[in-house]
Amino acid sequence: MKRISEDIFAEWRKHRFVLVEPDMHEELGHMVILTDFKFWAENISELMSWCNVNGGEVNGSTVLFRREHDLTAFVLRWS
């Protein structure tokens, strides 16, 4: 077993969110992990409203999109 000595989340923290590869989760659709906790804490109300209109399902620090074009809209809006 390989021992990991570096912070594997260091790269994630440089972004507001990361896209999860489809084979890395069991949900149907496209998953995003919200990684910039300070940003999302300050913008959670706006994110929740945006997702209600645009098809995202917020669950903790993840957002699930059933349709690819909803994910694309999220990336364009929140990048």
Protein backbone atom coordinates (compact mmCIF):
# COMPACT_ATOMS: atom_id res chain seq x y z
CA MET A 1 0.00 0.00 0.00
CA LYS A 2 1.31 3.42 -0.97
CA ARG A 3 1.62 5.93 1.83
CA ILE A 4 0.51 9.43 1.01
CA SER A 5 2.66 12.04 2.69
CA GLU A 6 1.37 15.13 0.90
CA ASP A 7 -1.96 16.85 1.27
CA ILE A 8 -4.09 15.26 -1.43
CA PHE A 9 -6.66 18.07 -1.18
CA ALA A 10 -4.15 20.89 -1.72
CA GLU A 11 -4.98 21.17 -5.42
CA TRP A 12 -8.73 21.14 -4.72
CA ARG A 13 -8.44 24.11 -2.37
CA LYS A 14 -7.20 26.28 -5.22
CA HIS A 15 -10.67 26.11 -6.84
CA ARG A 16 -14.24 26.95 -5.81
CA PHE A 17 -15.37 23.48 -6.84
CA VAL A 18 -14.20 20.29 -8.53
CA LEU A 19 -16.05 17.96 -10.86
CA VAL A 20 -16.26 14.34 -9.73
CA GLU A 21 -15.52 11.70 -12.35
CA PRO A 22 -18.65 9.61 -13.04
CA ASP A 23 -16.96 6.37 -11.98
CA MET A 24 -16.10 7.91 -8.60
CA HIS A 25 -19.70 8.23 -7.35
CA GLU A 26 -22.87 6.16 -7.43
CA GLU A 27 -25.36 8.93 -8.18
CA LEU A 28 -27.04 9.30 -11.57
CA GLY A 29 -25.88 12.55 -13.06
CA HIS A 30 -22.96 14.89 -12.64
CA MET A 31 -21.50 15.66 -9.22
CA VAL A 32 -19.61 18.73 -8.05
CA ILE A 33 -17.77 19.04 -4.73
CA LEU A 34 -17.74 22.55 -3.25
CA THR A 35 -14.15 23.02 -2.10
CA ASP A 36 -13.79 26.71 -1.26
CA PHE A 37 -15.75 26.56 1.99
CA LYS A 38 -15.36 30.24 2.80
CA PHE A 39 -16.71 31.29 -0.60
CA TRP A 40 -19.65 28.90 -0.43
CA ALA A 41 -20.51 29.85 3.16
CA GLU A 42 -20.77 33.47 2.03
CA ASN A 43 -22.82 32.55 -1.07
CA ILE A 44 -24.91 29.58 0.05
CA SER A 45 -28.25 31.40 -0.19
CA GLU A 46 -27.52 32.51 -3.74
CA LEU A 47 -26.30 29.01 -4.66
CA MET A 48 -29.46 27.39 -3.24
CA SER A 49 -31.69 29.84 -5.14
CA TRP A 50 -29.70 29.35 -8.33
CA CYS A 51 -29.92 25.55 -8.02
CA ASN A 52 -33.68 25.67 -7.42
CA VAL A 53 -34.11 27.52 -10.72
CA ASN A 54 -31.43 25.68 -12.70
CA GLY A 55 -31.76 22.06 -11.65
CA GLY A 56 -29.02 21.47 -9.10
CA GLU A 57 -29.50 19.46 -5.90
CA VAL A 58 -27.35 20.74 -3.03
CA ASN A 59 -26.49 18.15 -0.39
CA GLY A 60 -23.88 19.33 2.11
CA SER A 61 -20.73 20.15 0.16
CA THR A 62 -21.89 18.48 -3.06
CA VAL A 63 -24.18 19.52 -5.88
CA LEU A 64 -25.76 16.97 -8.21
CA PHE A 65 -26.96 17.78 -11.70
CA ARG A 66 -29.14 15.28 -13.56
CA ARG A 67 -28.55 16.91 -16.95
CA GLU A 68 -25.24 17.87 -18.52
CA HIS A 69 -26.46 21.28 -19.68
CA ASP A 70 -27.35 22.16 -16.06
CA LEU A 71 -23.77 21.32 -15.06
CA THR A 72 -22.48 23.49 -17.91
CA ALA A 73 -24.63 26.40 -16.72
CA PHE A 74 -23.25 25.93 -13.19
CA VAL A 75 -19.64 25.98 -14.42
CA LEU A 76 -20.27 29.11 -16.47
CA ARG A 77 -22.01 30.88 -13.58
CA TRP A 78 -19.77 29.92 -10.67
CA SER A 79 -16.25 29.61 -12.12
